[in-house]
Amino acid sequence: TYLMLRSLLLVEGRGPELTVEILEK
């Protein structure tokens, strides 16, 4: 999901702040 979001969001300029919960360090 994160990789798909990264491809959709603009590289330059202000975008959403991303927070991710994972289960394995």
PDBML (XML) file of the C-alpha atoms, coordinates in Angstrom:
<?xml version="1.0" encoding="UTF-8" ?>
<PDBx:datablock datablockName="MODEL"
   xmlns:PDBx="http://pdbml.pdb.org/schema/pdbx-v50.xsd"
   xmlns:xsi="http://www.w3.org/2001/XMLSchema-instance"
   xsi:schemaLocation="http://pdbml.pdb.org/schema/pdbx-v50.xsd pdbx-v50.xsd">
   <PDBx:atom_siteCategory>
      <PDBx:atom_site id="1">
         <PDBx:B_iso_or_equiv>0.00</PDBx:B_iso_or_equiv>
         <PDBx:Cartn_x>0.000</PDBx:Cartn_x>
         <PDBx:Cartn_y>0.000</PDBx:Cartn_y>
         <PDBx:Cartn_z>0.000</PDBx:Cartn_z>
         <PDBx:auth_asym_id>A</PDBx:auth_asym_id>
         <PDBx:auth_atom_id>CA</PDBx:auth_atom_id>
         <PDBx:auth_comp_id>THR</PDBx:auth_comp_id>
         <PDBx:auth_seq_id>1</PDBx:auth_seq_id>
         <PDBx:group_PDB>ATOM</PDBx:group_PDB>
         <PDBx:label_alt_id xsi:nil="true" />
         <PDBx:label_asym_id>A</PDBx:label_asym_id>
         <PDBx:label_atom_id>CA</PDBx:label_atom_id>
         <PDBx:label_comp_id>THR</PDBx:label_comp_id>
         <PDBx:label_entity_id>1</PDBx:label_entity_id>
         <PDBx:label_seq_id>1</PDBx:label_seq_id>
         <PDBx:occupancy>1.00</PDBx:occupancy>
         <PDBx:pdbx_PDB_model_num>1</PDBx:pdbx_PDB_model_num>
         <PDBx:type_symbol>C</PDBx:type_symbol>
      </PDBx:atom_site>
      <PDBx:atom_site id="2">
         <PDBx:B_iso_or_equiv>0.00</PDBx:B_iso_or_equiv>
         <PDBx:Cartn_x>2.827</PDBx:Cartn_x>
         <PDBx:Cartn_y>2.386</PDBx:Cartn_y>
         <PDBx:Cartn_z>0.845</PDBx:Cartn_z>
         <PDBx:auth_asym_id>A</PDBx:auth_asym_id>
         <PDBx:auth_atom_id>CA</PDBx:auth_atom_id>
         <PDBx:auth_comp_id>TYR</PDBx:auth_comp_id>
         <PDBx:auth_seq_id>2</PDBx:auth_seq_id>
         <PDBx:group_PDB>ATOM</PDBx:group_PDB>
         <PDBx:label_alt_id xsi:nil="true" />
         <PDBx:label_asym_id>A</PDBx:label_asym_id>
         <PDBx:label_atom_id>CA</PDBx:label_atom_id>
         <PDBx:label_comp_id>TYR</PDBx:label_comp_id>
         <PDBx:label_entity_id>1</PDBx:label_entity_id>
         <PDBx:label_seq_id>2</PDBx:label_seq_id>
         <PDBx:occupancy>1.00</PDBx:occupancy>
         <PDBx:pdbx_PDB_model_num>1</PDBx:pdbx_PDB_model_num>
         <PDBx:type_symbol>C</PDBx:type_symbol>
      </PDBx:atom_site>
      <PDBx:atom_site id="3">
         <PDBx:B_iso_or_equiv>0.00</PDBx:B_iso_or_equiv>
         <PDBx:Cartn_x>4.526</PDBx:Cartn_x>
         <PDBx:Cartn_y>1.817</PDBx:Cartn_y>
         <PDBx:Cartn_z>-2.524</PDBx:Cartn_z>
         <PDBx:auth_asym_id>A</PDBx:auth_asym_id>
         <PDBx:auth_atom_id>CA</PDBx:auth_atom_id>
         <PDBx:auth_comp_id>LEU</PDBx:auth_comp_id>
         <PDBx:auth_seq_id>3</PDBx:auth_seq_id>
         <PDBx:group_PDB>ATOM</PDBx:group_PDB>
         <PDBx:label_alt_id xsi:nil="true" />
         <PDBx:label_asym_id>A</PDBx:label_asym_id>
         <PDBx:label_atom_id>CA</PDBx:label_atom_id>
         <PDBx:label_comp_id>LEU</PDBx:label_comp_id>
         <PDBx:label_entity_id>1</PDBx:label_entity_id>
         <PDBx:label_seq_id>3</PDBx:label_seq_id>
         <PDBx:occupancy>1.00</PDBx:occupancy>
         <PDBx:pdbx_PDB_model_num>1</PDBx:pdbx_PDB_model_num>
         <PDBx:type_symbol>C</PDBx:type_symbol>
      </PDBx:atom_site>
      <PDBx:atom_site id="4">
         <PDBx:B_iso_or_equiv>0.00</PDBx:B_iso_or_equiv>
         <PDBx:Cartn_x>1.274</PDBx:Cartn_x>
         <PDBx:Cartn_y>2.514</PDBx:Cartn_y>
         <PDBx:Cartn_z>-4.366</PDBx:Cartn_z>
         <PDBx:auth_asym_id>A</PDBx:auth_asym_id>
         <PDBx:auth_atom_id>CA</PDBx:auth_atom_id>
         <PDBx:auth_comp_id>MET</PDBx:auth_comp_id>
         <PDBx:auth_seq_id>4</PDBx:auth_seq_id>
         <PDBx:group_PDB>ATOM</PDBx:group_PDB>
         <PDBx:label_alt_id xsi:nil="true" />
         <PDBx:label_asym_id>A</PDBx:label_asym_id>
         <PDBx:label_atom_id>CA</PDBx:label_atom_id>
         <PDBx:label_comp_id>MET</PDBx:label_comp_id>
         <PDBx:label_entity_id>1</PDBx:label_entity_id>
         <PDBx:label_seq_id>4</PDBx:label_seq_id>
         <PDBx:occupancy>1.00</PDBx:occupancy>
         <PDBx:pdbx_PDB_model_num>1</PDBx:pdbx_PDB_model_num>
         <PDBx:type_symbol>C</PDBx:type_symbol>
      </PDBx:atom_site>
      <PDBx:atom_site id="5">
         <PDBx:B_iso_or_equiv>0.00</PDBx:B_iso_or_equiv>
         <PDBx:Cartn_x>0.756</PDBx:Cartn_x>
         <PDBx:Cartn_y>5.688</PDBx:Cartn_y>
         <PDBx:Cartn_z>-2.337</PDBx:Cartn_z>
         <PDBx:auth_asym_id>A</PDBx:auth_asym_id>
         <PDBx:auth_atom_id>CA</PDBx:auth_atom_id>
         <PDBx:auth_comp_id>LEU</PDBx:auth_comp_id>
         <PDBx:auth_seq_id>5</PDBx:auth_seq_id>
         <PDBx:group_PDB>ATOM</PDBx:group_PDB>
         <PDBx:label_alt_id xsi:nil="true" />
         <PDBx:label_asym_id>A</PDBx:label_asym_id>
         <PDBx:label_atom_id>CA</PDBx:label_atom_id>
         <PDBx:label_comp_id>LEU</PDBx:label_comp_id>
         <PDBx:label_entity_id>1</PDBx:label_entity_id>
         <PDBx:label_seq_id>5</PDBx:label_seq_id>
         <PDBx:occupancy>1.00</PDBx:occupancy>
         <PDBx:pdbx_PDB_model_num>1</PDBx:pdbx_PDB_model_num>
         <PDBx:type_symbol>C</PDBx:type_symbol>
      </PDBx:atom_site>
      <PDBx:atom_site id="6">
         <PDBx:B_iso_or_equiv>0.00</PDBx:B_iso_or_equiv>
         <PDBx:Cartn_x>4.274</PDBx:Cartn_x>
         <PDBx:Cartn_y>6.847</PDBx:Cartn_y>
         <PDBx:Cartn_z>-3.131</PDBx:Cartn_z>
         <PDBx:auth_asym_id>A</PDBx:auth_asym_id>
         <PDBx:auth_atom_id>CA</PDBx:auth_atom_id>
         <PDBx:auth_comp_id>ARG</PDBx:auth_comp_id>
         <PDBx:auth_seq_id>6</PDBx:auth_seq_id>
         <PDBx:group_PDB>ATOM</PDBx:group_PDB>
         <PDBx:label_alt_id xsi:nil="true" />
         <PDBx:label_asym_id>A</PDBx:label_asym_id>
         <PDBx:label_atom_id>CA</PDBx:label_atom_id>
         <PDBx:label_comp_id>ARG</PDBx:label_comp_id>
         <PDBx:label_entity_id>1</PDBx:label_entity_id>
         <PDBx:label_seq_id>6</PDBx:label_seq_id>
         <PDBx:occupancy>1.00</PDBx:occupancy>
         <PDBx:pdbx_PDB_model_num>1</PDBx:pdbx_PDB_model_num>
         <PDBx:type_symbol>C</PDBx:type_symbol>
      </PDBx:atom_site>
      <PDBx:atom_site id="7">
         <PDBx:B_iso_or_equiv>0.00</PDBx:B_iso_or_equiv>
         <PDBx:Cartn_x>3.606</PDBx:Cartn_x>
         <PDBx:Cartn_y>6.485</PDBx:Cartn_y>
         <PDBx:Cartn_z>-6.842</PDBx:Cartn_z>
         <PDBx:auth_asym_id>A</PDBx:auth_asym_id>
         <PDBx:auth_atom_id>CA</PDBx:auth_atom_id>
         <PDBx:auth_comp_id>SER</PDBx:auth_comp_id>
         <PDBx:auth_seq_id>7</PDBx:auth_seq_id>
         <PDBx:group_PDB>ATOM</PDBx:group_PDB>
         <PDBx:label_alt_id xsi:nil="true" />
         <PDBx:label_asym_id>A</PDBx:label_asym_id>
         <PDBx:label_atom_id>CA</PDBx:label_atom_id>
         <PDBx:label_comp_id>SER</PDBx:label_comp_id>
         <PDBx:label_entity_id>1</PDBx:label_entity_id>
         <PDBx:label_seq_id>7</PDBx:label_seq_id>
         <PDBx:occupancy>1.00</PDBx:occupancy>
         <PDBx:pdbx_PDB_model_num>1</PDBx:pdbx_PDB_model_num>
         <PDBx:type_symbol>C</PDBx:type_symbol>
      </PDBx:atom_site>
      <PDBx:atom_site id="8">
         <PDBx:B_iso_or_equiv>0.00</PDBx:B_iso_or_equiv>
         <PDBx:Cartn_x>0.359</PDBx:Cartn_x>
         <PDBx:Cartn_y>8.477</PDBx:Cartn_y>
         <PDBx:Cartn_z>-6.579</PDBx:Cartn_z>
         <PDBx:auth_asym_id>A</PDBx:auth_asym_id>
         <PDBx:auth_atom_id>CA</PDBx:auth_atom_id>
         <PDBx:auth_comp_id>LEU</PDBx:auth_comp_id>
         <PDBx:auth_seq_id>8</PDBx:auth_seq_id>
         <PDBx:group_PDB>ATOM</PDBx:group_PDB>
         <PDBx:label_alt_id xsi:nil="true" />
         <PDBx:label_asym_id>A</PDBx:label_asym_id>
         <PDBx:label_atom_id>CA</PDBx:label_atom_id>
         <PDBx:label_comp_id>LEU</PDBx:label_comp_id>
         <PDBx:label_entity_id>1</PDBx:label_entity_id>
         <PDBx:label_seq_id>8</PDBx:label_seq_id>
         <PDBx:occupancy>1.00</PDBx:occupancy>
         <PDBx:pdbx_PDB_model_num>1</PDBx:pdbx_PDB_model_num>
         <PDBx:type_symbol>C</PDBx:type_symbol>
      </PDBx:atom_site>
      <PDBx:atom_site id="9">
         <PDBx:B_iso_or_equiv>0.00</PDBx:B_iso_or_equiv>
         <PDBx:Cartn_x>1.605</PDBx:Cartn_x>
         <PDBx:Cartn_y>11.356</PDBx:Cartn_y>
         <PDBx:Cartn_z>-4.447</PDBx:Cartn_z>
         <PDBx:auth_asym_id>A</PDBx:auth_asym_id>
         <PDBx:auth_atom_id>CA</PDBx:auth_atom_id>
         <PDBx:auth_comp_id>LEU</PDBx:auth_comp_id>
         <PDBx:auth_seq_id>9</PDBx:auth_seq_id>
         <PDBx:group_PDB>ATOM</PDBx:group_PDB>
         <PDBx:label_alt_id xsi:nil="true" />
         <PDBx:label_asym_id>A</PDBx:label_asym_id>
         <PDBx:label_atom_id>CA</PDBx:label_atom_id>
         <PDBx:label_comp_id>LEU</PDBx:label_comp_id>
         <PDBx:label_entity_id>1</PDBx:label_entity_id>
         <PDBx:label_seq_id>9</PDBx:label_seq_id>
         <PDBx:occupancy>1.00</PDBx:occupancy>
         <PDBx:pdbx_PDB_model_num>1</PDBx:pdbx_PDB_model_num>
         <PDBx:type_symbol>C</PDBx:type_symbol>
      </PDBx:atom_site>
      <PDBx:atom_site id="10">
         <PDBx:B_iso_or_equiv>0.00</PDBx:B_iso_or_equiv>
         <PDBx:Cartn_x>3.687</PDBx:Cartn_x>
         <PDBx:Cartn_y>14.186</PDBx:Cartn_y>
         <PDBx:Cartn_z>-5.813</PDBx:Cartn_z>
         <PDBx:auth_asym_id>A</PDBx:auth_asym_id>
         <PDBx:auth_atom_id>CA</PDBx:auth_atom_id>
         <PDBx:auth_comp_id>LEU</PDBx:auth_comp_id>
         <PDBx:auth_seq_id>10</PDBx:auth_seq_id>
         <PDBx:group_PDB>ATOM</PDBx:group_PDB>
         <PDBx:label_alt_id xsi:nil="true" />
         <PDBx:label_asym_id>A</PDBx:label_asym_id>
         <PDBx:label_atom_id>CA</PDBx:label_atom_id>
         <PDBx:label_comp_id>LEU</PDBx:label_comp_id>
         <PDBx:label_entity_id>1</PDBx:label_entity_id>
         <PDBx:label_seq_id>10</PDBx:label_seq_id>
         <PDBx:occupancy>1.00</PDBx:occupancy>
         <PDBx:pdbx_PDB_model_num>1</PDBx:pdbx_PDB_model_num>
         <PDBx:type_symbol>C</PDBx:type_symbol>
      </PDBx:atom_site>
      <PDBx:atom_site id="11">
         <PDBx:B_iso_or_equiv>0.00</PDBx:B_iso_or_equiv>
         <PDBx:Cartn_x>7.425</PDBx:Cartn_x>
         <PDBx:Cartn_y>13.922</PDBx:Cartn_y>
         <PDBx:Cartn_z>-5.321</PDBx:Cartn_z>
         <PDBx:auth_asym_id>A</PDBx:auth_asym_id>
         <PDBx:auth_atom_id>CA</PDBx:auth_atom_id>
         <PDBx:auth_comp_id>VAL</PDBx:auth_comp_id>
         <PDBx:auth_seq_id>11</PDBx:auth_seq_id>
         <PDBx:group_PDB>ATOM</PDBx:group_PDB>
         <PDBx:label_alt_id xsi:nil="true" />
         <PDBx:label_asym_id>A</PDBx:label_asym_id>
         <PDBx:label_atom_id>CA</PDBx:label_atom_id>
         <PDBx:label_comp_id>VAL</PDBx:label_comp_id>
         <PDBx:label_entity_id>1</PDBx:label_entity_id>
         <PDBx:label_seq_id>11</PDBx:label_seq_id>
         <PDBx:occupancy>1.00</PDBx:occupancy>
         <PDBx:pdbx_PDB_model_num>1</PDBx:pdbx_PDB_model_num>
         <PDBx:type_symbol>C</PDBx:type_symbol>
      </PDBx:atom_site>
      <PDBx:atom_site id="12">
         <PDBx:B_iso_or_equiv>0.00</PDBx:B_iso_or_equiv>
         <PDBx:Cartn_x>7.799</PDBx:Cartn_x>
         <PDBx:Cartn_y>17.688</PDBx:Cartn_y>
         <PDBx:Cartn_z>-5.025</PDBx:Cartn_z>
         <PDBx:auth_asym_id>A</PDBx:auth_asym_id>
         <PDBx:auth_atom_id>CA</PDBx:auth_atom_id>
         <PDBx:auth_comp_id>GLU</PDBx:auth_comp_id>
         <PDBx:auth_seq_id>12</PDBx:auth_seq_id>
         <PDBx:group_PDB>ATOM</PDBx:group_PDB>
         <PDBx:label_alt_id xsi:nil="true" />
         <PDBx:label_asym_id>A</PDBx:label_asym_id>
         <PDBx:label_atom_id>CA</PDBx:label_atom_id>
         <PDBx:label_comp_id>GLU</PDBx:label_comp_id>
         <PDBx:label_entity_id>1</PDBx:label_entity_id>
         <PDBx:label_seq_id>12</PDBx:label_seq_id>
         <PDBx:occupancy>1.00</PDBx:occupancy>
         <PDBx:pdbx_PDB_model_num>1</PDBx:pdbx_PDB_model_num>
         <PDBx:type_symbol>C</PDBx:type_symbol>
      </PDBx:atom_site>
      <PDBx:atom_site id="13">
         <PDBx:B_iso_or_equiv>0.00</PDBx:B_iso_or_equiv>
         <PDBx:Cartn_x>5.724</PDBx:Cartn_x>
         <PDBx:Cartn_y>19.987</PDBx:Cartn_y>
         <PDBx:Cartn_z>-2.879</PDBx:Cartn_z>
         <PDBx:auth_asym_id>A</PDBx:auth_asym_id>
         <PDBx:auth_atom_id>CA</PDBx:auth_atom_id>
         <PDBx:auth_comp_id>GLY</PDBx:auth_comp_id>
         <PDBx:auth_seq_id>13</PDBx:auth_seq_id>
         <PDBx:group_PDB>ATOM</PDBx:group_PDB>
         <PDBx:label_alt_id xsi:nil="true" />
         <PDBx:label_asym_id>A</PDBx:label_asym_id>
         <PDBx:label_atom_id>CA</PDBx:label_atom_id>
         <PDBx:label_comp_id>GLY</PDBx:label_comp_id>
         <PDBx:label_entity_id>1</PDBx:label_entity_id>
         <PDBx:label_seq_id>13</PDBx:label_seq_id>
         <PDBx:occupancy>1.00</PDBx:occupancy>
         <PDBx:pdbx_PDB_model_num>1</PDBx:pdbx_PDB_model_num>
         <PDBx:type_symbol>C</PDBx:type_symbol>
      </PDBx:atom_site>
      <PDBx:atom_site id="14">
         <PDBx:B_iso_or_equiv>0.00</PDBx:B_iso_or_equiv>
         <PDBx:Cartn_x>3.794</PDBx:Cartn_x>
         <PDBx:Cartn_y>19.372</PDBx:Cartn_y>
         <PDBx:Cartn_z>0.298</PDBx:Cartn_z>
         <PDBx:auth_asym_id>A</PDBx:auth_asym_id>
         <PDBx:auth_atom_id>CA</PDBx:auth_atom_id>
         <PDBx:auth_comp_id>ARG</PDBx:auth_comp_id>
         <PDBx:auth_seq_id>14</PDBx:auth_seq_id>
         <PDBx:group_PDB>ATOM</PDBx:group_PDB>
         <PDBx:label_alt_id xsi:nil="true" />
         <PDBx:label_asym_id>A</PDBx:label_asym_id>
         <PDBx:label_atom_id>CA</PDBx:label_atom_id>
         <PDBx:label_comp_id>ARG</PDBx:label_comp_id>
         <PDBx:label_entity_id>1</PDBx:label_entity_id>
         <PDBx:label_seq_id>14</PDBx:label_seq_id>
         <PDBx:occupancy>1.00</PDBx:occupancy>
         <PDBx:pdbx_PDB_model_num>1</PDBx:pdbx_PDB_model_num>
         <PDBx:type_symbol>C</PDBx:type_symbol>
      </PDBx:atom_site>
      <PDBx:atom_site id="15">
         <PDBx:B_iso_or_equiv>0.00</PDBx:B_iso_or_equiv>
         <PDBx:Cartn_x>1.870</PDBx:Cartn_x>
         <PDBx:Cartn_y>16.128</PDBx:Cartn_y>
         <PDBx:Cartn_z>0.453</PDBx:Cartn_z>
         <PDBx:auth_asym_id>A</PDBx:auth_asym_id>
         <PDBx:auth_atom_id>CA</PDBx:auth_atom_id>
         <PDBx:auth_comp_id>GLY</PDBx:auth_comp_id>
         <PDBx:auth_seq_id>15</PDBx:auth_seq_id>
         <PDBx:group_PDB>ATOM</PDBx:group_PDB>
         <PDBx:label_alt_id xsi:nil="true" />
         <PDBx:label_asym_id>A</PDBx:label_asym_id>
         <PDBx:label_atom_id>CA</PDBx:label_atom_id>
         <PDBx:label_comp_id>GLY</PDBx:label_comp_id>
         <PDBx:label_entity_id>1</PDBx:label_entity_id>
         <PDBx:label_seq_id>15</PDBx:label_seq_id>
         <PDBx:occupancy>1.00</PDBx:occupancy>
         <PDBx:pdbx_PDB_model_num>1</PDBx:pdbx_PDB_model_num>
         <PDBx:type_symbol>C</PDBx:type_symbol>
      </PDBx:atom_site>
      <PDBx:atom_site id="16">
         <PDBx:B_iso_or_equiv>0.00</PDBx:B_iso_or_equiv>
         <PDBx:Cartn_x>0.128</PDBx:Cartn_x>
         <PDBx:Cartn_y>14.163</PDBx:Cartn_y>
         <PDBx:Cartn_z>3.194</PDBx:Cartn_z>
         <PDBx:auth_asym_id>A</PDBx:auth_asym_id>
         <PDBx:auth_atom_id>CA</PDBx:auth_atom_id>
         <PDBx:auth_comp_id>PRO</PDBx:auth_comp_id>
         <PDBx:auth_seq_id>16</PDBx:auth_seq_id>
         <PDBx:group_PDB>ATOM</PDBx:group_PDB>
         <PDBx:label_alt_id xsi:nil="true" />
         <PDBx:label_asym_id>A</PDBx:label_asym_id>
         <PDBx:label_atom_id>CA</PDBx:label_atom_id>
         <PDBx:label_comp_id>PRO</PDBx:label_comp_id>
         <PDBx:label_entity_id>1</PDBx:label_entity_id>
         <PDBx:label_seq_id>16</PDBx:label_seq_id>
         <PDBx:occupancy>1.00</PDBx:occupancy>
         <PDBx:pdbx_PDB_model_num>1</PDBx:pdbx_PDB_model_num>
         <PDBx:type_symbol>C</PDBx:type_symbol>
      </PDBx:atom_site>
      <PDBx:atom_site id="17">
         <PDBx:B_iso_or_equiv>0.00</PDBx:B_iso_or_equiv>
         <PDBx:Cartn_x>2.141</PDBx:Cartn_x>
         <PDBx:Cartn_y>13.105</PDBx:Cartn_y>
         <PDBx:Cartn_z>6.221</PDBx:Cartn_z>
         <PDBx:auth_asym_id>A</PDBx:auth_asym_id>
         <PDBx:auth_atom_id>CA</PDBx:auth_atom_id>
         <PDBx:auth_comp_id>GLU</PDBx:auth_comp_id>
         <PDBx:auth_seq_id>17</PDBx:auth_seq_id>
         <PDBx:group_PDB>ATOM</PDBx:group_PDB>
         <PDBx:label_alt_id xsi:nil="true" />
         <PDBx:label_asym_id>A</PDBx:label_asym_id>
         <PDBx:label_atom_id>CA</PDBx:label_atom_id>
         <PDBx:label_comp_id>GLU</PDBx:label_comp_id>
         <PDBx:label_entity_id>1</PDBx:label_entity_id>
         <PDBx:label_seq_id>17</PDBx:label_seq_id>
         <PDBx:occupancy>1.00</PDBx:occupancy>
         <PDBx:pdbx_PDB_model_num>1</PDBx:pdbx_PDB_model_num>
         <PDBx:type_symbol>C</PDBx:type_symbol>
      </PDBx:atom_site>
      <PDBx:atom_site id="18">
         <PDBx:B_iso_or_equiv>0.00</PDBx:B_iso_or_equiv>
         <PDBx:Cartn_x>2.390</PDBx:Cartn_x>
         <PDBx:Cartn_y>9.308</PDBx:Cartn_y>
         <PDBx:Cartn_z>6.232</PDBx:Cartn_z>
         <PDBx:auth_asym_id>A</PDBx:auth_asym_id>
         <PDBx:auth_atom_id>CA</PDBx:auth_atom_id>
         <PDBx:auth_comp_id>LEU</PDBx:auth_comp_id>
         <PDBx:auth_seq_id>18</PDBx:auth_seq_id>
         <PDBx:group_PDB>ATOM</PDBx:group_PDB>
         <PDBx:label_alt_id xsi:nil="true" />
         <PDBx:label_asym_id>A</PDBx:label_asym_id>
         <PDBx:label_atom_id>CA</PDBx:label_atom_id>
         <PDBx:label_comp_id>LEU</PDBx:label_comp_id>
         <PDBx:label_entity_id>1</PDBx:label_entity_id>
         <PDBx:label_seq_id>18</PDBx:label_seq_id>
         <PDBx:occupancy>1.00</PDBx:occupancy>
         <PDBx:pdbx_PDB_model_num>1</PDBx:pdbx_PDB_model_num>
         <PDBx:type_symbol>C</PDBx:type_symbol>
      </PDBx:atom_site>
      <PDBx:atom_site id="19">
         <PDBx:B_iso_or_equiv>0.00</PDBx:B_iso_or_equiv>
         <PDBx:Cartn_x>2.289</PDBx:Cartn_x>
         <PDBx:Cartn_y>7.077</PDBx:Cartn_y>
         <PDBx:Cartn_z>9.315</PDBx:Cartn_z>
         <PDBx:auth_asym_id>A</PDBx:auth_asym_id>
         <PDBx:auth_atom_id>CA</PDBx:auth_atom_id>
         <PDBx:auth_comp_id>THR</PDBx:auth_comp_id>
         <PDBx:auth_seq_id>19</PDBx:auth_seq_id>
         <PDBx:group_PDB>ATOM</PDBx:group_PDB>
         <PDBx:label_alt_id xsi:nil="true" />
         <PDBx:label_asym_id>A</PDBx:label_asym_id>
         <PDBx:label_atom_id>CA</PDBx:label_atom_id>
         <PDBx:label_comp_id>THR</PDBx:label_comp_id>
         <PDBx:label_entity_id>1</PDBx:label_entity_id>
         <PDBx:label_seq_id>19</PDBx:label_seq_id>
         <PDBx:occupancy>1.00</PDBx:occupancy>
         <PDBx:pdbx_PDB_model_num>1</PDBx:pdbx_PDB_model_num>
         <PDBx:type_symbol>C</PDBx:type_symbol>
      </PDBx:atom_site>
      <PDBx:atom_site id="20">
         <PDBx:B_iso_or_equiv>0.00</PDBx:B_iso_or_equiv>
         <PDBx:Cartn_x>2.575</PDBx:Cartn_x>
         <PDBx:Cartn_y>3.294</PDBx:Cartn_y>
         <PDBx:Cartn_z>9.080</PDBx:Cartn_z>
         <PDBx:auth_asym_id>A</PDBx:auth_asym_id>
         <PDBx:auth_atom_id>CA</PDBx:auth_atom_id>
         <PDBx:auth_comp_id>VAL</PDBx:auth_comp_id>
         <PDBx:auth_seq_id>20</PDBx:auth_seq_id>
         <PDBx:group_PDB>ATOM</PDBx:group_PDB>
         <PDBx:label_alt_id xsi:nil="true" />
         <PDBx:label_asym_id>A</PDBx:label_asym_id>
         <PDBx:label_atom_id>CA</PDBx:label_atom_id>
         <PDBx:label_comp_id>VAL</PDBx:label_comp_id>
         <PDBx:label_entity_id>1</PDBx:label_entity_id>
         <PDBx:label_seq_id>20</PDBx:label_seq_id>
         <PDBx:occupancy>1.00</PDBx:occupancy>
         <PDBx:pdbx_PDB_model_num>1</PDBx:pdbx_PDB_model_num>
         <PDBx:type_symbol>C</PDBx:type_symbol>
      </PDBx:atom_site>
      <PDBx:atom_site id="21">
         <PDBx:B_iso_or_equiv>0.00</PDBx:B_iso_or_equiv>
         <PDBx:Cartn_x>1.921</PDBx:Cartn_x>
         <PDBx:Cartn_y>0.611</PDBx:Cartn_y>
         <PDBx:Cartn_z>11.686</PDBx:Cartn_z>
         <PDBx:auth_asym_id>A</PDBx:auth_asym_id>
         <PDBx:auth_atom_id>CA</PDBx:auth_atom_id>
         <PDBx:auth_comp_id>GLU</PDBx:auth_comp_id>
         <PDBx:auth_seq_id>21</PDBx:auth_seq_id>
         <PDBx:group_PDB>ATOM</PDBx:group_PDB>
         <PDBx:label_alt_id xsi:nil="true" />
         <PDBx:label_asym_id>A</PDBx:label_asym_id>
         <PDBx:label_atom_id>CA</PDBx:label_atom_id>
         <PDBx:label_comp_id>GLU</PDBx:label_comp_id>
         <PDBx:label_entity_id>1</PDBx:label_entity_id>
         <PDBx:label_seq_id>21</PDBx:label_seq_id>
         <PDBx:occupancy>1.00</PDBx:occupancy>
         <PDBx:pdbx_PDB_model_num>1</PDBx:pdbx_PDB_model_num>
         <PDBx:type_symbol>C</PDBx:type_symbol>
      </PDBx:atom_site>
      <PDBx:atom_site id="22">
         <PDBx:B_iso_or_equiv>0.00</PDBx:B_iso_or_equiv>
         <PDBx:Cartn_x>3.902</PDBx:Cartn_x>
         <PDBx:Cartn_y>-2.600</PDBx:Cartn_y>
         <PDBx:Cartn_z>11.220</PDBx:Cartn_z>
         <PDBx:auth_asym_id>A</PDBx:auth_asym_id>
         <PDBx:auth_atom_id>CA</PDBx:auth_atom_id>
         <PDBx:auth_comp_id>ILE</PDBx:auth_comp_id>
         <PDBx:auth_seq_id>22</PDBx:auth_seq_id>
         <PDBx:group_PDB>ATOM</PDBx:group_PDB>
         <PDBx:label_alt_id xsi:nil="true" />
         <PDBx:label_asym_id>A</PDBx:label_asym_id>
         <PDBx:label_atom_id>CA</PDBx:label_atom_id>
         <PDBx:label_comp_id>ILE</PDBx:label_comp_id>
         <PDBx:label_entity_id>1</PDBx:label_entity_id>
         <PDBx:label_seq_id>22</PDBx:label_seq_id>
         <PDBx:occupancy>1.00</PDBx:occupancy>
         <PDBx:pdbx_PDB_model_num>1</PDBx:pdbx_PDB_model_num>
         <PDBx:type_symbol>C</PDBx:type_symbol>
      </PDBx:atom_site>
      <PDBx:atom_site id="23">
         <PDBx:B_iso_or_equiv>0.00</PDBx:B_iso_or_equiv>
         <PDBx:Cartn_x>4.207</PDBx:Cartn_x>
         <PDBx:Cartn_y>-5.753</PDBx:Cartn_y>
         <PDBx:Cartn_z>13.290</PDBx:Cartn_z>
         <PDBx:auth_asym_id>A</PDBx:auth_asym_id>
         <PDBx:auth_atom_id>CA</PDBx:auth_atom_id>
         <PDBx:auth_comp_id>LEU</PDBx:auth_comp_id>
         <PDBx:auth_seq_id>23</PDBx:auth_seq_id>
         <PDBx:group_PDB>ATOM</PDBx:group_PDB>
         <PDBx:label_alt_id xsi:nil="true" />
         <PDBx:label_asym_id>A</PDBx:label_asym_id>
         <PDBx:label_atom_id>CA</PDBx:label_atom_id>
         <PDBx:label_comp_id>LEU</PDBx:label_comp_id>
         <PDBx:label_entity_id>1</PDBx:label_entity_id>
         <PDBx:label_seq_id>23</PDBx:label_seq_id>
         <PDBx:occupancy>1.00</PDBx:occupancy>
         <PDBx:pdbx_PDB_model_num>1</PDBx:pdbx_PDB_model_num>
         <PDBx:type_symbol>C</PDBx:type_symbol>
      </PDBx:atom_site>
      <PDBx:atom_site id="24">
         <PDBx:B_iso_or_equiv>0.00</PDBx:B_iso_or_equiv>
         <PDBx:Cartn_x>7.812</PDBx:Cartn_x>
         <PDBx:Cartn_y>-6.876</PDBx:Cartn_y>
         <PDBx:Cartn_z>12.805</PDBx:Cartn_z>
         <PDBx:auth_asym_id>A</PDBx:auth_asym_id>
         <PDBx:auth_atom_id>CA</PDBx:auth_atom_id>
         <PDBx:auth_comp_id>GLU</PDBx:auth_comp_id>
         <PDBx:auth_seq_id>24</PDBx:auth_seq_id>
         <PDBx:group_PDB>ATOM</PDBx:group_PDB>
         <PDBx:label_alt_id xsi:nil="true" />
         <PDBx:label_asym_id>A</PDBx:label_asym_id>
         <PDBx:label_atom_id>CA</PDBx:label_atom_id>
         <PDBx:label_comp_id>GLU</PDBx:label_comp_id>
         <PDBx:label_entity_id>1</PDBx:label_entity_id>
         <PDBx:label_seq_id>24</PDBx:label_seq_id>
         <PDBx:occupancy>1.00</PDBx:occupancy>
         <PDBx:pdbx_PDB_model_num>1</PDBx:pdbx_PDB_model_num>
         <PDBx:type_symbol>C</PDBx:type_symbol>
      </PDBx:atom_site>
      <PDBx:atom_site id="25">
         <PDBx:B_iso_or_equiv>0.00</PDBx:B_iso_or_equiv>
         <PDBx:Cartn_x>10.847</PDBx:Cartn_x>
         <PDBx:Cartn_y>-4.699</PDBx:Cartn_y>
         <PDBx:Cartn_z>13.484</PDBx:Cartn_z>
         <PDBx:auth_asym_id>A</PDBx:auth_asym_id>
         <PDBx:auth_atom_id>CA</PDBx:auth_atom_id>
         <PDBx:auth_comp_id>LYS</PDBx:auth_comp_id>
         <PDBx:auth_seq_id>25</PDBx:auth_seq_id>
         <PDBx:group_PDB>ATOM</PDBx:group_PDB>
         <PDBx:label_alt_id xsi:nil="true" />
         <PDBx:label_asym_id>A</PDBx:label_asym_id>
         <PDBx:label_atom_id>CA</PDBx:label_atom_id>
         <PDBx:label_comp_id>LYS</PDBx:label_comp_id>
         <PDBx:label_entity_id>1</PDBx:label_entity_id>
         <PDBx:label_seq_id>25</PDBx:label_seq_id>
         <PDBx:occupancy>1.00</PDBx:occupancy>
         <PDBx:pdbx_PDB_model_num>1</PDBx:pdbx_PDB_model_num>
         <PDBx:type_symbol>C</PDBx:type_symbol>
      </PDBx:atom_site>
   </PDBx:atom_siteCategory>
</PDBx:datablock>
